[in-house]
Amino acid sequence: MISGTPYNGIREIKTPHGTYSPIFVDFTQKDGFKRLAEIKTAIDQGDTSVLIELIFLPLYGKINHKELAEAVLSYELELYKANKMPELLLAATLIMSNKILESTIGKIPENLANKINAIAQESQLLDLLKVVPRCKEFGEFERALA
């Protein structure tokens, strides 16, 4: 998957074991905010077949990935609370967005990751999901975690 910067490198890899030609999916030319609006309209009209695309939406385009990830996660949270989206799809988008969020505030320190993993209440995790996009540094997030 190509996101942010178009890839124009080699498209075939030769090794002693064979030649590999991976399939490249280029998201750089797509408008994520426009597609999010289209997906919202489709879901409002009862078409849930588009839900899976929300996972990859934060990768669309060349810029504004953080803002797009925030918008998608916020919308998914609304859908989840309304029982219109399974929890696993929300989790998948979080995983896909992880690198985008890391690029904003850096790699998550191990002690902070351990605190997050120790949370057993789903409601607390969902509350943290709302806080994460607004945090500019780990200190802010740690205060919200306390």
C-alpha atoms as a PDB file:
ATOM      1  CA  MET A   1       0.000   0.000   0.000  1.00  0.00           C
ATOM      2  CA  ILE A   2       1.319   3.389  -0.986  1.00  0.00           C
ATOM      3  CA  SER A   3       0.299   6.391   1.089  1.00  0.00           C
ATOM      4  CA  GLY A   4       1.627   9.932   1.317  1.00  0.00           C
ATOM      5  CA  THR A   5       4.389   9.809  -1.283  1.00  0.00           C
ATOM      6  CA  PRO A   6       3.916   8.074  -4.632  1.00  0.00           C
ATOM      7  CA  TYR A   7       6.265   5.117  -5.150  1.00  0.00           C
ATOM      8  CA  ASN A   8       8.084   4.899  -8.468  1.00  0.00           C
ATOM      9  CA  GLY A   9      10.681   2.306  -7.526  1.00  0.00           C
ATOM     10  CA  ILE A  10      11.129  -1.265  -8.663  1.00  0.00           C
ATOM     11  CA  ARG A  11       8.006  -3.335  -9.089  1.00  0.00           C
ATOM     12  CA  GLU A  12       9.675  -6.719  -9.366  1.00  0.00           C
ATOM     13  CA  ILE A  13      12.033  -8.420  -6.911  1.00  0.00           C
ATOM     14  CA  LYS A  14      14.368 -11.184  -8.059  1.00  0.00           C
ATOM     15  CA  THR A  15      15.833 -13.555  -5.494  1.00  0.00           C
ATOM     16  CA  PRO A  16      17.594 -16.919  -5.771  1.00  0.00           C
ATOM     17  CA  HIS A  17      14.197 -18.481  -5.013  1.00  0.00           C
ATOM     18  CA  GLY A  18      12.211 -16.735  -7.717  1.00  0.00           C
ATOM     19  CA  THR A  19      10.804 -13.502  -9.011  1.00  0.00           C
ATOM     20  CA  TYR A  20       8.165 -11.640  -7.031  1.00  0.00           C
ATOM     21  CA  SER A  21       5.829  -9.035  -8.446  1.00  0.00           C
ATOM     22  CA  PRO A  22       3.807  -7.611  -5.556  1.00  0.00           C
ATOM     23  CA  ILE A  23       0.560  -5.804  -6.171  1.00  0.00           C
ATOM     24  CA  PHE A  24       0.827  -2.104  -5.335  1.00  0.00           C
ATOM     25  CA  VAL A  25      -2.229  -0.187  -4.180  1.00  0.00           C
ATOM     26  CA  ASP A  26      -1.641   3.559  -4.539  1.00  0.00           C
ATOM     27  CA  PHE A  27      -3.800   5.669  -2.222  1.00  0.00           C
ATOM     28  CA  THR A  28      -1.927   8.916  -2.941  1.00  0.00           C
ATOM     29  CA  GLN A  29      -4.324  10.115  -5.657  1.00  0.00           C
ATOM     30  CA  LYS A  30      -7.494   9.537  -3.627  1.00  0.00           C
ATOM     31  CA  ASP A  31      -9.388  12.248  -1.732  1.00  0.00           C
ATOM     32  CA  GLY A  32     -10.033  10.800   1.709  1.00  0.00           C
ATOM     33  CA  PHE A  33     -12.406  13.490   2.954  1.00  0.00           C
ATOM     34  CA  LYS A  34     -14.520  13.286  -0.199  1.00  0.00           C
ATOM     35  CA  ARG A  35     -14.669   9.490   0.089  1.00  0.00           C
ATOM     36  CA  LEU A  36     -15.590   9.727   3.785  1.00  0.00           C
ATOM     37  CA  ALA A  37     -18.558  11.935   2.854  1.00  0.00           C
ATOM     38  CA  GLU A  38     -19.606   9.393   0.191  1.00  0.00           C
ATOM     39  CA  ILE A  39     -19.310   6.536   2.691  1.00  0.00           C
ATOM     40  CA  LYS A  40     -21.397   8.439   5.251  1.00  0.00           C
ATOM     41  CA  THR A  41     -24.114   8.960   2.641  1.00  0.00           C
ATOM     42  CA  ALA A  42     -24.055   5.277   1.671  1.00  0.00           C
ATOM     43  CA  ILE A  43     -24.308   4.152   5.300  1.00  0.00           C
ATOM     44  CA  ASP A  44     -27.151   6.617   5.941  1.00  0.00           C
ATOM     45  CA  GLN A  45     -28.944   4.958   3.018  1.00  0.00           C
ATOM     46  CA  GLY A  46     -28.416   1.514   4.559  1.00  0.00           C
ATOM     47  CA  ASP A  47     -25.432   0.333   2.511  1.00  0.00           C
ATOM     48  CA  THR A  48     -23.086  -1.267   5.033  1.00  0.00           C
ATOM     49  CA  SER A  49     -20.885  -2.853   2.356  1.00  0.00           C
ATOM     50  CA  VAL A  50     -18.686   0.267   2.484  1.00  0.00           C
ATOM     51  CA  LEU A  51     -17.762  -0.152   6.162  1.00  0.00           C
ATOM     52  CA  ILE A  52     -14.616  -2.125   5.369  1.00  0.00           C
ATOM     53  CA  GLU A  53     -13.198   0.769   3.343  1.00  0.00           C
ATOM     54  CA  LEU A  54     -13.102   2.932   6.479  1.00  0.00           C
ATOM     55  CA  ILE A  55     -10.116   0.867   7.650  1.00  0.00           C
ATOM     56  CA  PHE A  56      -7.947   2.133   4.791  1.00  0.00           C
ATOM     57  CA  LEU A  57      -9.374   5.647   4.489  1.00  0.00           C
ATOM     58  CA  PRO A  58      -6.750   7.323   6.754  1.00  0.00           C
ATOM     59  CA  LEU A  59      -4.111   6.350   4.173  1.00  0.00           C
ATOM     60  CA  TYR A  60      -5.798   8.223   1.310  1.00  0.00           C
ATOM     61  CA  GLY A  61      -4.109  11.241  -0.257  1.00  0.00           C
ATOM     62  CA  LYS A  62      -0.711  12.857   0.120  1.00  0.00           C
ATOM     63  CA  ILE A  63      -1.430  15.161   3.083  1.00  0.00           C
ATOM     64  CA  ASN A  64      -3.700  15.588   6.117  1.00  0.00           C
ATOM     65  CA  HIS A  65      -3.437  11.959   7.193  1.00  0.00           C
ATOM     66  CA  LYS A  66      -3.708  12.819  10.887  1.00  0.00           C
ATOM     67  CA  GLU A  67      -6.848  14.921  10.375  1.00  0.00           C
ATOM     68  CA  LEU A  68      -8.376  12.237   8.174  1.00  0.00           C
ATOM     69  CA  ALA A  69      -7.564   9.525  10.734  1.00  0.00           C
ATOM     70  CA  GLU A  70      -9.219  11.633  13.444  1.00  0.00           C
ATOM     71  CA  ALA A  71     -12.340  12.168  11.318  1.00  0.00           C
ATOM     72  CA  VAL A  72     -12.616   8.484  10.398  1.00  0.00           C
ATOM     73  CA  LEU A  73     -12.080   7.261  13.963  1.00  0.00           C
ATOM     74  CA  SER A  74     -14.593   9.767  15.297  1.00  0.00           C
ATOM     75  CA  TYR A  75     -17.191   8.634  12.751  1.00  0.00           C
ATOM     76  CA  GLU A  76     -16.475   4.972  13.447  1.00  0.00           C
ATOM     77  CA  LEU A  77     -16.937   5.593  17.153  1.00  0.00           C
ATOM     78  CA  GLU A  78     -20.389   7.059  16.420  1.00  0.00           C
ATOM     79  CA  LEU A  79     -21.256   4.013  14.310  1.00  0.00           C
ATOM     80  CA  TYR A  80     -19.995   1.634  16.969  1.00  0.00           C
ATOM     81  CA  LYS A  81     -22.015   3.312  19.727  1.00  0.00           C
ATOM     82  CA  ALA A  82     -25.112   3.120  17.510  1.00  0.00           C
ATOM     83  CA  ASN A  83     -24.468  -0.623  16.953  1.00  0.00           C
ATOM     84  CA  LYS A  84     -23.963  -0.029  13.236  1.00  0.00           C
ATOM     85  CA  MET A  85     -20.343  -1.190  13.164  1.00  0.00           C
ATOM     86  CA  PRO A  86     -18.548  -4.162  14.724  1.00  0.00           C
ATOM     87  CA  GLU A  87     -15.834  -3.484  17.268  1.00  0.00           C
ATOM     88  CA  LEU A  88     -13.265  -5.371  15.184  1.00  0.00           C
ATOM     89  CA  LEU A  89     -13.544  -2.899  12.309  1.00  0.00           C
ATOM     90  CA  LEU A  90     -12.914  -0.022  14.709  1.00  0.00           C
ATOM     91  CA  ALA A  91      -9.885  -1.880  16.070  1.00  0.00           C
ATOM     92  CA  ALA A  92      -8.616  -2.513  12.537  1.00  0.00           C
ATOM     93  CA  THR A  93      -8.769   1.208  11.728  1.00  0.00           C
ATOM     94  CA  LEU A  94      -6.882   1.980  14.934  1.00  0.00           C
ATOM     95  CA  ILE A  95      -4.166  -0.448  13.897  1.00  0.00           C
ATOM     96  CA  MET A  96      -4.007   0.993  10.385  1.00  0.00           C
ATOM     97  CA  SER A  97      -3.867   4.523  11.786  1.00  0.00           C
ATOM     98  CA  ASN A  98      -1.197   3.671  14.340  1.00  0.00           C
ATOM     99  CA  LYS A  99       1.727   4.758  12.140  1.00  0.00           C
ATOM    100  CA  ILE A 100      -0.031   8.007  11.282  1.00  0.00           C
ATOM    101  CA  LEU A 101      -0.594   8.817  14.943  1.00  0.00           C
ATOM    102  CA  GLU A 102       2.967   7.729  15.810  1.00  0.00           C
ATOM    103  CA  SER A 103       4.309  10.185  13.252  1.00  0.00           C
ATOM    104  CA  THR A 104       2.450  12.950  15.102  1.00  0.00           C
ATOM    105  CA  ILE A 105       3.442  12.203  18.689  1.00  0.00           C
ATOM    106  CA  GLY A 106       6.210   9.627  18.264  1.00  0.00           C
ATOM    107  CA  LYS A 107       6.561   5.966  19.196  1.00  0.00           C
ATOM    108  CA  ILE A 108       4.491   4.894  22.179  1.00  0.00           C
ATOM    109  CA  PRO A 109       6.712   4.269  25.220  1.00  0.00           C
ATOM    110  CA  GLU A 110       6.550   0.710  26.538  1.00  0.00           C
ATOM    111  CA  ASN A 111       5.317   1.718  30.009  1.00  0.00           C
ATOM    112  CA  LEU A 112       2.437   3.664  28.444  1.00  0.00           C
ATOM    113  CA  ALA A 113       1.566   0.747  26.145  1.00  0.00           C
ATOM    114  CA  ASN A 114       1.510  -1.551  29.188  1.00  0.00           C
ATOM    115  CA  LYS A 115      -0.921   0.782  30.993  1.00  0.00           C
ATOM    116  CA  ILE A 116      -3.203   0.811  27.969  1.00  0.00           C
ATOM    117  CA  ASN A 117      -3.060  -2.978  27.597  1.00  0.00           C
ATOM    118  CA  ALA A 118      -3.977  -3.380  31.283  1.00  0.00           C
ATOM    119  CA  ILE A 119      -7.323  -1.598  30.827  1.00  0.00           C
ATOM    120  CA  ALA A 120     -10.117  -4.141  31.050  1.00  0.00           C
ATOM    121  CA  GLN A 121     -13.128  -1.845  30.680  1.00  0.00           C
ATOM    122  CA  GLU A 122     -14.229  -1.292  27.120  1.00  0.00           C
ATOM    123  CA  SER A 123     -15.863   2.031  28.004  1.00  0.00           C
ATOM    124  CA  GLN A 124     -12.559   3.400  29.297  1.00  0.00           C
ATOM    125  CA  LEU A 125     -10.802   2.365  26.076  1.00  0.00           C
ATOM    126  CA  LEU A 126     -13.494   4.057  24.008  1.00  0.00           C
ATOM    127  CA  ASP A 127     -13.088   7.238  26.075  1.00  0.00           C
ATOM    128  CA  LEU A 128      -9.329   7.170  25.444  1.00  0.00           C
ATOM    129  CA  LEU A 129     -10.009   6.781  21.741  1.00  0.00           C
ATOM    130  CA  LYS A 130     -11.684  10.203  21.814  1.00  0.00           C
ATOM    131  CA  VAL A 131      -8.716  11.762  23.623  1.00  0.00           C
ATOM    132  CA  VAL A 132      -5.850  10.393  21.492  1.00  0.00           C
ATOM    133  CA  PRO A 133      -6.293  12.595  18.401  1.00  0.00           C
ATOM    134  CA  ARG A 134      -6.213  15.790  20.484  1.00  0.00           C
ATOM    135  CA  CYS A 135      -2.961  14.930  22.306  1.00  0.00           C
ATOM    136  CA  LYS A 136       0.188  16.645  21.077  1.00  0.00           C
ATOM    137  CA  GLU A 137       2.547  14.709  23.368  1.00  0.00           C
ATOM    138  CA  PHE A 138       2.581  11.621  25.538  1.00  0.00           C
ATOM    139  CA  GLY A 139       2.331  13.647  28.747  1.00  0.00           C
ATOM    140  CA  GLU A 140      -1.126  14.842  27.762  1.00  0.00           C
ATOM    141  CA  PHE A 141      -2.234  11.316  27.010  1.00  0.00           C
ATOM    142  CA  GLU A 142      -0.762   9.987  30.281  1.00  0.00           C
ATOM    143  CA  ARG A 143      -2.736  12.591  32.236  1.00  0.00           C
ATOM    144  CA  ALA A 144      -5.906  11.456  30.449  1.00  0.00           C
ATOM    145  CA  LEU A 145      -4.999   7.847  31.195  1.00  0.00           C
ATOM    146  CA  ALA A 146      -4.681   8.497  34.937  1.00  0.00           C
END
